[in-house]
Amino acid sequence: MNEKVMTATDVLEIVTILKQAGVDVWLDGGWAIDALVKKQTRQHEDLDVVVDLKKVETIRQKLGQRGFKVSEDELPTRLVMEDINGRVIDFHTVTFDKEGGGIQKLQNGRAYRYPPEGFAGIGEVGGQKAKCLTTKVLAECHYGYQPDDKDRHNMQVLNQYFGIELKKPYLND
């Protein structure tokens, strides 16, 4: 089995390509947490990012030129792209409201609003600054589903480094 790995170098390359194309990118998930603690705490299979839904065609075009193809299309909620090397990017797409919050339309017809202050995180990947979601929003997004080992690790890191309070199902781990 070809094990998928997303390295810090991959993250920087992808973020740079998108920034040069005029796409604002905020790291989400495990890479955001690692960026905020300024070190890699675990291996990552993919890169989760939040982007403006209006930029999806630009993203498809620019990353398509680099060999990425759409592997899952659940727009307007998310879009997943993968290249021949197994690098996977999970784009969480939002529409920004007038206050600067990001509304993500979910598959069940509901919506999640990333608060404007949730986009204020600044981390570091491979010694370079990277925009991230904040610890509060990262923690909030880890609730409402059954966590796996990576989710448990992420929440432990948020607790250890930032004092984020753990709630069920993350207690007693």
Protein backbone atom coordinates (compact mmCIF):
# COMPACT_ATOMS: atom_id res chain seq x y z
CA MET A 1 0.00 0.00 0.00
CA ASN A 2 1.26 3.46 -0.91
CA GLU A 3 1.27 5.38 2.37
CA LYS A 4 0.31 9.01 1.90
CA VAL A 5 2.49 11.62 3.55
CA MET A 6 2.27 15.41 3.47
CA THR A 7 5.57 16.96 4.50
CA ALA A 8 6.35 20.50 5.67
CA THR A 9 8.06 21.10 2.32
CA ASP A 10 4.86 20.00 0.53
CA VAL A 11 2.77 22.35 2.68
CA LEU A 12 5.00 25.31 1.87
CA GLU A 13 5.03 24.49 -1.85
CA ILE A 14 1.23 24.23 -2.04
CA VAL A 15 0.60 27.37 0.02
CA THR A 16 3.10 29.30 -2.13
CA ILE A 17 1.46 28.16 -5.39
CA LEU A 18 -1.94 29.23 -4.12
CA LYS A 19 -0.72 32.56 -2.69
CA GLN A 20 0.94 33.38 -6.03
CA ALA A 21 -2.42 32.66 -7.70
CA GLY A 22 -4.16 35.15 -5.39
CA VAL A 23 -5.77 32.53 -3.15
CA ASP A 24 -5.78 33.21 0.59
CA VAL A 25 -5.13 29.98 2.49
CA TRP A 26 -5.59 29.22 6.18
CA LEU A 27 -4.15 25.98 7.51
CA ASP A 28 -6.68 23.78 9.29
CA GLY A 29 -6.52 20.43 11.07
CA GLY A 30 -3.25 18.79 12.07
CA TRP A 31 -0.94 21.01 10.06
CA ALA A 32 -2.53 24.13 11.57
CA ILE A 33 -1.97 22.78 15.06
CA ASP A 34 1.63 21.87 14.26
CA ALA A 35 2.18 25.31 12.70
CA LEU A 36 0.88 27.00 15.83
CA VAL A 37 3.27 25.01 18.06
CA LYS A 38 6.01 25.61 15.45
CA LYS A 39 6.99 21.96 15.18
CA GLN A 40 5.67 18.82 13.60
CA THR A 41 4.11 16.59 16.26
CA ARG A 42 2.95 13.73 14.05
CA GLN A 43 2.97 12.45 10.47
CA HIS A 44 0.26 13.92 8.24
CA GLU A 45 -1.58 12.10 5.45
CA ASP A 46 -3.05 15.28 4.00
CA LEU A 47 -3.25 19.04 4.23
CA ASP A 48 -6.51 20.62 5.40
CA VAL A 49 -7.02 24.25 4.43
CA VAL A 50 -9.82 26.80 4.44
CA VAL A 51 -10.29 28.82 1.24
CA ASP A 52 -12.89 31.09 -0.33
CA LEU A 53 -15.42 29.09 -2.38
CA LYS A 54 -15.08 31.75 -5.12
CA LYS A 55 -11.46 30.68 -5.65
CA VAL A 56 -12.17 27.00 -6.43
CA GLU A 57 -11.73 27.35 -10.19
CA THR A 58 -8.41 29.14 -9.72
CA ILE A 59 -7.33 26.37 -7.34
CA ARG A 60 -8.34 23.63 -9.80
CA GLN A 61 -6.47 25.37 -12.62
CA LYS A 62 -3.25 26.21 -10.75
CA LEU A 63 -2.91 22.88 -8.98
CA GLY A 64 -4.06 21.04 -12.10
CA GLN A 65 -1.01 22.50 -13.85
CA ARG A 66 1.05 20.84 -11.09
CA GLY A 67 -0.51 17.40 -11.57
CA PHE A 68 -3.28 17.57 -8.97
CA LYS A 69 -6.66 16.11 -9.86
CA VAL A 70 -9.99 16.28 -8.04
CA SER A 71 -10.50 13.06 -6.09
CA GLU A 72 -13.63 14.14 -4.17
CA ASP A 73 -16.06 16.92 -5.05
CA GLU A 74 -18.49 17.71 -2.24
CA LEU A 75 -18.89 21.37 -3.11
CA PRO A 76 -19.97 23.71 -1.70
CA THR A 77 -18.65 22.01 1.48
CA ARG A 78 -15.26 20.73 0.40
CA LEU A 79 -13.05 19.71 -2.49
CA VAL A 80 -10.23 17.16 -2.31
CA MET A 81 -7.34 17.14 -4.76
CA GLU A 82 -4.54 14.59 -5.04
CA ASP A 83 -1.43 14.24 -7.14
CA ILE A 84 0.39 11.19 -8.50
CA ASN A 85 2.71 11.22 -5.46
CA GLY A 86 -0.26 10.74 -3.14
CA ARG A 87 -0.25 14.28 -1.76
CA VAL A 88 -3.80 15.08 -0.69
CA ILE A 89 -5.27 18.53 -0.08
CA ASP A 90 -8.69 18.84 1.56
CA PHE A 91 -10.12 22.29 0.80
CA HIS A 92 -12.80 23.42 3.26
CA THR A 93 -14.64 26.03 1.22
CA VAL A 94 -16.36 29.05 2.75
CA THR A 95 -18.25 32.13 1.65
CA PHE A 96 -17.15 35.20 3.58
CA ASP A 97 -19.84 37.38 5.13
CA LYS A 98 -19.62 41.15 5.65
CA GLU A 99 -18.13 40.68 9.15
CA GLY A 100 -15.33 38.48 7.80
CA GLY A 101 -16.76 35.21 9.05
CA GLY A 102 -16.58 32.20 6.76
CA ILE A 103 -19.79 30.23 6.16
CA GLN A 104 -19.28 26.60 5.18
CA LYS A 105 -22.40 24.96 3.78
CA LEU A 106 -22.43 21.41 5.09
CA GLN A 107 -23.65 18.32 3.23
CA ASN A 108 -26.63 17.91 5.59
CA GLY A 109 -28.00 21.31 4.60
CA ARG A 110 -26.77 23.02 7.73
CA ALA A 111 -23.93 25.53 7.90
CA TYR A 112 -20.93 26.21 10.10
CA ARG A 113 -19.65 29.77 10.56
CA TYR A 114 -15.96 30.24 11.19
CA PRO A 115 -15.92 33.46 13.26
CA PRO A 116 -13.89 36.36 11.84
CA GLU A 117 -11.38 36.12 14.71
CA GLY A 118 -10.93 32.43 13.87
CA PHE A 119 -8.82 33.42 10.85
CA ALA A 120 -6.27 35.32 12.98
CA GLY A 121 -3.90 32.44 13.71
CA ILE A 122 -0.28 32.74 12.60
CA GLY A 123 1.95 29.70 12.77
CA GLU A 124 5.19 28.50 11.33
CA VAL A 125 5.92 25.60 8.98
CA GLY A 126 9.51 24.85 8.13
CA GLY A 127 10.60 28.20 9.53
CA GLN A 128 8.11 30.16 7.40
CA LYS A 129 5.04 32.00 8.67
CA ALA A 130 1.68 30.55 7.71
CA LYS A 131 -1.89 31.76 8.25
CA CYS A 132 -3.90 29.31 10.35
CA LEU A 133 -7.19 29.00 12.10
CA THR A 134 -6.96 29.88 15.78
CA THR A 135 -6.64 27.30 18.54
CA LYS A 136 -10.20 28.01 19.71
CA VAL A 137 -11.70 27.32 16.28
CA LEU A 138 -9.45 24.29 15.72
CA ALA A 139 -10.68 22.82 19.01
CA GLU A 140 -14.32 23.63 18.25
CA CYS A 141 -14.06 21.86 14.88
CA HIS A 142 -12.91 18.65 16.61
CA TYR A 143 -16.35 18.14 18.21
CA GLY A 144 -19.55 16.71 16.78
CA TYR A 145 -18.16 13.47 15.39
CA GLN A 146 -16.41 10.32 16.62
CA PRO A 147 -12.69 11.14 16.89
CA ASP A 148 -9.89 8.92 15.62
CA ASP A 149 -6.36 8.66 17.00
CA LYS A 150 -5.21 11.71 15.00
CA ASP A 151 -8.05 13.81 16.39
CA ARG A 152 -7.19 12.69 19.92
CA HIS A 153 -3.53 13.60 19.31
CA ASN A 154 -4.52 17.02 17.93
CA MET A 155 -6.67 17.80 20.95
CA GLN A 156 -3.95 16.67 23.36
CA VAL A 157 -1.52 19.05 21.65
CA LEU A 158 -4.03 21.92 21.88
CA ASN A 159 -4.51 21.13 25.57
CA GLN A 160 -0.79 20.74 26.33
CA TYR A 161 0.47 23.83 24.48
CA PHE A 162 -2.50 26.21 24.68
CA GLY A 163 -4.56 25.05 27.66
CA ILE A 164 -7.59 24.23 25.54
CA GLU A 165 -10.06 22.47 27.84
CA LEU A 166 -10.85 18.91 26.80
CA LYS A 167 -14.48 17.77 26.80
CA LYS A 168 -16.13 14.47 25.91
CA PRO A 169 -15.16 12.46 23.91
CA TYR A 170 -11.57 13.63 24.56
CA LEU A 171 -11.56 13.17 28.33
CA ASN A 172 -9.73 10.25 29.99
CA ASP A 173 -7.46 9.58 27.02
